[in-house]
N, C-alpha and C. Protein backbone atom coordinates (compact mmCIF):
# COMPACT_ATOMS: atom_id res chain seq x y z
N VAL A 1 -0.37 -9.93 -7.38
CA VAL A 1 -1.61 -9.35 -6.87
C VAL A 1 -2.59 -9.35 -7.98
N ARG A 2 -3.59 -10.18 -7.84
CA ARG A 2 -4.64 -10.24 -8.89
C ARG A 2 -5.98 -9.67 -8.52
N ASP A 3 -6.13 -9.35 -7.24
CA ASP A 3 -7.41 -8.83 -6.75
C ASP A 3 -7.46 -7.34 -7.15
N PRO A 4 -8.37 -6.95 -7.99
CA PRO A 4 -8.46 -5.55 -8.46
C PRO A 4 -8.86 -4.55 -7.37
N GLN A 5 -9.25 -5.03 -6.21
CA GLN A 5 -9.57 -4.14 -5.06
C GLN A 5 -8.30 -3.69 -4.32
N HIS A 6 -7.17 -4.37 -4.57
CA HIS A 6 -5.94 -4.06 -3.90
C HIS A 6 -5.06 -3.23 -4.81
N GLU A 7 -4.22 -2.45 -4.15
CA GLU A 7 -3.23 -1.63 -4.93
C GLU A 7 -1.86 -2.09 -4.49
N ALA A 8 -0.98 -2.30 -5.47
CA ALA A 8 0.39 -2.76 -5.18
C ALA A 8 1.37 -1.68 -5.58
N TYR A 9 2.39 -1.51 -4.76
CA TYR A 9 3.42 -0.50 -4.96
C TYR A 9 4.82 -1.12 -4.83
N VAL A 10 5.71 -0.67 -5.62
CA VAL A 10 7.12 -1.03 -5.50
C VAL A 10 7.99 0.19 -5.32
N ALA A 11 8.78 0.17 -4.27
CA ALA A 11 9.77 1.25 -4.01
C ALA A 11 11.04 0.83 -4.75
N THR A 12 11.60 1.80 -5.46
CA THR A 12 12.87 1.53 -6.22
C THR A 12 13.93 2.53 -5.84
N ILE A 13 15.19 2.03 -5.91
CA ILE A 13 16.38 2.92 -5.72
C ILE A 13 17.29 2.59 -6.87
N ASN A 14 17.58 3.63 -7.70
CA ASN A 14 18.44 3.46 -8.86
C ASN A 14 17.91 2.35 -9.80
N GLY A 15 16.59 2.27 -9.95
CA GLY A 15 15.97 1.36 -10.84
C GLY A 15 15.83 -0.06 -10.34
N GLU A 16 16.24 -0.30 -9.09
CA GLU A 16 16.15 -1.66 -8.49
C GLU A 16 15.07 -1.65 -7.40
N ALA A 17 14.36 -2.72 -7.39
CA ALA A 17 13.29 -2.91 -6.33
C ALA A 17 13.94 -2.89 -4.96
N ALA A 18 13.38 -2.10 -4.03
CA ALA A 18 13.88 -2.02 -2.72
C ALA A 18 12.82 -2.39 -1.69
N GLY A 19 11.53 -2.41 -2.09
CA GLY A 19 10.45 -2.79 -1.18
C GLY A 19 9.12 -2.86 -1.93
N THR A 20 8.16 -3.48 -1.32
CA THR A 20 6.82 -3.58 -1.87
C THR A 20 5.78 -3.42 -0.79
N MET A 21 4.55 -3.01 -1.23
CA MET A 21 3.48 -2.99 -0.27
C MET A 21 2.20 -3.18 -1.05
N ILE A 22 1.23 -3.81 -0.33
CA ILE A 22 -0.11 -4.05 -0.90
C ILE A 22 -1.12 -3.45 0.07
N ILE A 23 -2.06 -2.64 -0.49
CA ILE A 23 -3.03 -1.96 0.29
C ILE A 23 -4.45 -2.22 -0.25
N HIS A 24 -5.37 -2.44 0.67
CA HIS A 24 -6.78 -2.56 0.29
C HIS A 24 -7.36 -1.20 0.72
N PRO A 25 -7.77 -0.37 -0.22
CA PRO A 25 -8.23 0.99 0.07
C PRO A 25 -9.44 1.02 1.07
N LYS A 26 -10.25 0.00 1.07
CA LYS A 26 -11.44 -0.06 2.00
C LYS A 26 -11.49 -1.33 2.71
N GLY A 27 -10.30 -1.78 3.19
CA GLY A 27 -10.10 -3.08 3.75
C GLY A 27 -10.71 -3.39 5.10
N LEU A 28 -10.85 -2.36 5.95
CA LEU A 28 -11.34 -2.63 7.31
C LEU A 28 -12.33 -1.50 7.64
N ALA A 29 -13.60 -1.91 7.77
CA ALA A 29 -14.64 -0.92 8.10
C ALA A 29 -14.61 0.23 7.15
N GLY A 30 -14.34 0.01 5.93
CA GLY A 30 -14.27 1.13 4.95
C GLY A 30 -13.01 1.96 4.94
N ALA A 31 -12.03 1.64 5.82
CA ALA A 31 -10.82 2.34 5.93
C ALA A 31 -9.70 1.60 5.23
N ALA A 32 -8.64 2.34 4.88
CA ALA A 32 -7.46 1.75 4.23
C ALA A 32 -6.81 0.71 5.16
N TYR A 33 -6.33 -0.36 4.56
CA TYR A 33 -5.70 -1.48 5.29
C TYR A 33 -4.42 -1.86 4.56
N LEU A 34 -3.34 -1.84 5.29
CA LEU A 34 -2.08 -2.32 4.74
C LEU A 34 -2.04 -3.87 4.88
N LYS A 35 -2.13 -4.50 3.74
CA LYS A 35 -2.18 -5.96 3.71
C LYS A 35 -0.74 -6.58 3.85
N SER A 36 0.23 -5.89 3.25
CA SER A 36 1.60 -6.44 3.25
C SER A 36 2.57 -5.32 2.97
N ILE A 37 3.72 -5.37 3.63
CA ILE A 37 4.82 -4.49 3.32
C ILE A 37 6.12 -5.24 3.57
N ALA A 38 7.07 -5.06 2.65
CA ALA A 38 8.34 -5.76 2.76
C ALA A 38 9.44 -4.90 2.17
N VAL A 39 10.58 -4.97 2.83
CA VAL A 39 11.80 -4.24 2.28
C VAL A 39 12.83 -5.32 2.02
N THR A 40 13.50 -5.16 0.89
CA THR A 40 14.62 -6.06 0.50
C THR A 40 15.64 -6.14 1.63
N PRO A 41 16.03 -7.36 2.02
CA PRO A 41 16.91 -7.49 3.18
C PRO A 41 18.17 -6.56 3.16
N SER A 42 18.76 -6.42 2.04
CA SER A 42 19.94 -5.52 1.92
C SER A 42 19.62 -4.04 2.09
N ARG A 43 18.41 -3.67 2.05
CA ARG A 43 17.96 -2.30 2.15
C ARG A 43 17.29 -1.96 3.46
N ARG A 44 17.16 -2.92 4.35
CA ARG A 44 16.54 -2.71 5.64
C ARG A 44 17.33 -1.76 6.52
N GLY A 45 16.66 -0.92 7.28
CA GLY A 45 17.35 0.00 8.18
C GLY A 45 17.71 1.31 7.52
N GLN A 46 17.25 1.51 6.26
CA GLN A 46 17.59 2.74 5.52
C GLN A 46 16.42 3.72 5.36
N GLY A 47 15.34 3.41 6.08
CA GLY A 47 14.16 4.28 6.05
C GLY A 47 13.20 4.05 4.91
N ILE A 48 13.39 2.96 4.18
CA ILE A 48 12.52 2.67 3.04
C ILE A 48 11.12 2.29 3.53
N GLY A 49 11.02 1.43 4.53
CA GLY A 49 9.71 1.02 5.05
C GLY A 49 8.96 2.25 5.56
N ALA A 50 9.66 3.13 6.30
CA ALA A 50 9.01 4.33 6.81
C ALA A 50 8.51 5.21 5.64
N ALA A 51 9.32 5.33 4.67
CA ALA A 51 8.96 6.16 3.46
C ALA A 51 7.76 5.59 2.74
N MET A 52 7.75 4.30 2.62
CA MET A 52 6.56 3.63 1.93
C MET A 52 5.32 3.86 2.78
N LEU A 53 5.43 3.65 4.08
CA LEU A 53 4.29 3.83 4.95
C LEU A 53 3.78 5.29 4.90
N GLU A 54 4.73 6.25 4.91
CA GLU A 54 4.36 7.63 4.86
C GLU A 54 3.65 7.95 3.54
N TYR A 55 4.15 7.37 2.43
CA TYR A 55 3.48 7.56 1.14
C TYR A 55 2.05 7.07 1.15
N ALA A 56 1.86 5.88 1.73
CA ALA A 56 0.52 5.33 1.82
C ALA A 56 -0.40 6.17 2.68
N GLU A 57 0.09 6.62 3.79
CA GLU A 57 -0.73 7.44 4.68
C GLU A 57 -1.17 8.75 3.98
N GLN A 58 -0.21 9.34 3.25
CA GLN A 58 -0.56 10.59 2.56
C GLN A 58 -1.54 10.31 1.41
N ARG A 59 -1.33 9.18 0.74
CA ARG A 59 -2.20 8.90 -0.38
C ARG A 59 -3.64 8.66 0.03
N TYR A 60 -3.84 8.05 1.20
CA TYR A 60 -5.19 7.73 1.64
C TYR A 60 -5.81 8.76 2.62
N LYS A 61 -5.04 9.78 2.97
CA LYS A 61 -5.47 10.76 3.97
C LYS A 61 -6.79 11.42 3.53
N SER A 62 -6.93 11.71 2.25
CA SER A 62 -8.16 12.40 1.81
C SER A 62 -9.36 11.44 1.70
N ARG A 63 -9.12 10.12 1.75
CA ARG A 63 -10.14 9.16 1.55
C ARG A 63 -10.47 8.33 2.76
N SER A 64 -9.60 8.32 3.73
CA SER A 64 -9.75 7.46 4.90
C SER A 64 -9.28 8.17 6.16
N ARG A 65 -10.13 8.11 7.16
CA ARG A 65 -9.81 8.76 8.40
C ARG A 65 -8.76 8.01 9.21
N HIS A 66 -8.72 6.69 8.99
CA HIS A 66 -7.76 5.83 9.71
C HIS A 66 -7.04 4.91 8.72
N PHE A 67 -5.89 4.42 9.15
CA PHE A 67 -5.14 3.44 8.41
C PHE A 67 -4.84 2.28 9.30
N PHE A 68 -5.23 1.10 8.90
CA PHE A 68 -5.11 -0.10 9.71
C PHE A 68 -4.07 -1.08 9.17
N LEU A 69 -3.55 -1.92 10.04
CA LEU A 69 -2.64 -2.98 9.63
C LEU A 69 -2.63 -4.02 10.80
N CYS A 70 -2.13 -5.20 10.47
CA CYS A 70 -1.92 -6.25 11.46
C CYS A 70 -0.48 -6.63 11.47
N VAL A 71 -0.01 -6.99 12.67
CA VAL A 71 1.36 -7.48 12.85
C VAL A 71 1.33 -8.63 13.80
N SER A 72 2.13 -9.67 13.47
CA SER A 72 2.17 -10.91 14.32
C SER A 72 2.79 -10.64 15.68
N ASP A 73 2.28 -11.26 16.71
CA ASP A 73 2.79 -11.05 18.07
C ASP A 73 4.29 -11.45 18.19
N PHE A 74 4.76 -12.37 17.38
CA PHE A 74 6.15 -12.77 17.51
C PHE A 74 7.13 -11.90 16.70
N ASN A 75 6.57 -10.96 15.95
CA ASN A 75 7.41 -10.07 15.12
C ASN A 75 7.65 -8.78 15.87
N GLU A 76 8.52 -8.87 16.85
CA GLU A 76 8.81 -7.75 17.73
C GLU A 76 9.43 -6.56 17.00
N ARG A 77 10.27 -6.84 16.04
CA ARG A 77 10.93 -5.78 15.25
C ARG A 77 9.90 -4.94 14.50
N ALA A 78 8.93 -5.61 13.86
CA ALA A 78 7.85 -4.92 13.11
C ALA A 78 6.96 -4.14 14.08
N ARG A 79 6.62 -4.77 15.18
CA ARG A 79 5.76 -4.11 16.15
C ARG A 79 6.41 -2.82 16.66
N ALA A 80 7.70 -2.81 16.91
CA ALA A 80 8.43 -1.65 17.37
C ALA A 80 8.49 -0.60 16.27
N PHE A 81 8.65 -1.01 15.04
CA PHE A 81 8.63 -0.11 13.89
C PHE A 81 7.34 0.61 13.78
N TYR A 82 6.22 -0.14 13.83
CA TYR A 82 4.90 0.52 13.70
C TYR A 82 4.62 1.45 14.88
N THR A 83 5.05 1.15 16.06
CA THR A 83 4.87 2.00 17.20
C THR A 83 5.63 3.32 16.95
N ARG A 84 6.87 3.19 16.47
CA ARG A 84 7.61 4.43 16.12
C ARG A 84 6.94 5.28 15.08
N GLN A 85 6.17 4.62 14.23
CA GLN A 85 5.43 5.36 13.15
C GLN A 85 4.10 5.96 13.64
N GLY A 86 3.78 5.72 14.90
CA GLY A 86 2.57 6.31 15.45
C GLY A 86 1.36 5.39 15.49
N TYR A 87 1.51 4.09 15.21
CA TYR A 87 0.37 3.18 15.27
C TYR A 87 0.15 2.66 16.67
N VAL A 88 -1.11 2.50 17.02
CA VAL A 88 -1.49 2.00 18.33
C VAL A 88 -2.39 0.77 18.23
N PRO A 89 -2.21 -0.15 19.19
CA PRO A 89 -3.09 -1.36 19.12
C PRO A 89 -4.52 -1.11 19.46
N VAL A 90 -5.40 -1.76 18.72
CA VAL A 90 -6.83 -1.64 18.98
C VAL A 90 -7.56 -2.97 19.14
N GLY A 91 -6.79 -4.04 18.87
CA GLY A 91 -7.39 -5.37 18.98
C GLY A 91 -6.37 -6.48 18.87
N LEU A 92 -6.79 -7.66 19.24
CA LEU A 92 -5.94 -8.86 19.19
C LEU A 92 -6.72 -9.95 18.50
N LEU A 93 -6.23 -10.53 17.44
CA LEU A 93 -6.88 -11.62 16.72
C LEU A 93 -6.06 -12.88 17.03
N LYS A 94 -6.60 -13.67 17.91
CA LYS A 94 -5.94 -14.94 18.31
C LYS A 94 -6.15 -15.99 17.27
N ASP A 95 -5.11 -16.78 17.01
CA ASP A 95 -5.12 -17.86 16.03
C ASP A 95 -5.64 -17.46 14.68
N HIS A 96 -5.39 -16.21 14.30
CA HIS A 96 -5.97 -15.68 13.01
C HIS A 96 -5.24 -16.26 11.82
N ILE A 97 -3.91 -16.26 11.82
CA ILE A 97 -3.15 -16.83 10.72
C ILE A 97 -2.51 -18.16 11.08
N MET A 98 -1.98 -18.22 12.28
CA MET A 98 -1.38 -19.44 12.76
C MET A 98 -1.91 -19.85 14.13
N ASP A 99 -2.16 -21.08 14.32
CA ASP A 99 -2.57 -21.60 15.62
C ASP A 99 -1.58 -21.28 16.70
N GLY A 100 -2.05 -20.78 17.82
CA GLY A 100 -1.15 -20.46 18.94
C GLY A 100 -0.47 -19.05 18.85
N LYS A 101 -0.72 -18.38 17.76
CA LYS A 101 -0.13 -17.07 17.56
C LYS A 101 -1.25 -16.04 17.37
N SER A 102 -0.93 -14.77 17.66
CA SER A 102 -1.93 -13.75 17.56
C SER A 102 -1.47 -12.63 16.60
N GLU A 103 -2.42 -11.94 16.00
CA GLU A 103 -2.15 -10.78 15.22
C GLU A 103 -2.67 -9.58 16.02
N HIS A 104 -1.82 -8.54 16.06
CA HIS A 104 -2.21 -7.27 16.70
C HIS A 104 -2.76 -6.37 15.64
N LEU A 105 -4.01 -5.93 15.82
CA LEU A 105 -4.57 -4.97 14.91
C LEU A 105 -4.18 -3.55 15.42
N LEU A 106 -3.50 -2.83 14.49
CA LEU A 106 -3.03 -1.50 14.80
C LEU A 106 -3.74 -0.44 13.95
N VAL A 107 -3.76 0.76 14.47
CA VAL A 107 -4.39 1.89 13.70
C VAL A 107 -3.64 3.13 13.94
N LYS A 108 -3.73 4.00 12.91
CA LYS A 108 -3.16 5.34 12.97
C LYS A 108 -4.24 6.27 12.42
N ARG A 109 -4.56 7.31 13.19
CA ARG A 109 -5.52 8.25 12.66
C ARG A 109 -4.83 9.17 11.73
N LEU A 110 -5.37 9.31 10.52
CA LEU A 110 -4.77 10.12 9.49
C LEU A 110 -5.22 11.60 9.50
N VAL A 111 -6.50 11.76 9.86
CA VAL A 111 -7.04 13.18 9.92
C VAL A 111 -7.71 13.46 11.25
């Protein structure tokens, strides 16, 4: 991550990387935007993604009324995860990253 406008985080367990996320603090209409989140395959299903997302929401709560992210229409597991975390769809970006595929714009109100 070389863009100084983005913030990068690494989740660790016993000194080993377990996940990462990249956030643009004013990425969408001046609100925080989760650009990327990933959990190490061997650590998936252990609550690490939820903990990282909760950390980000708490970090930006005082600065941003909403927290936004996009998820690909074909990534059903991630879409279900974000729904469980309280995110709701607010838009659809067709052919945004890949032709023939759409990105769901999701939001969660923080305050």
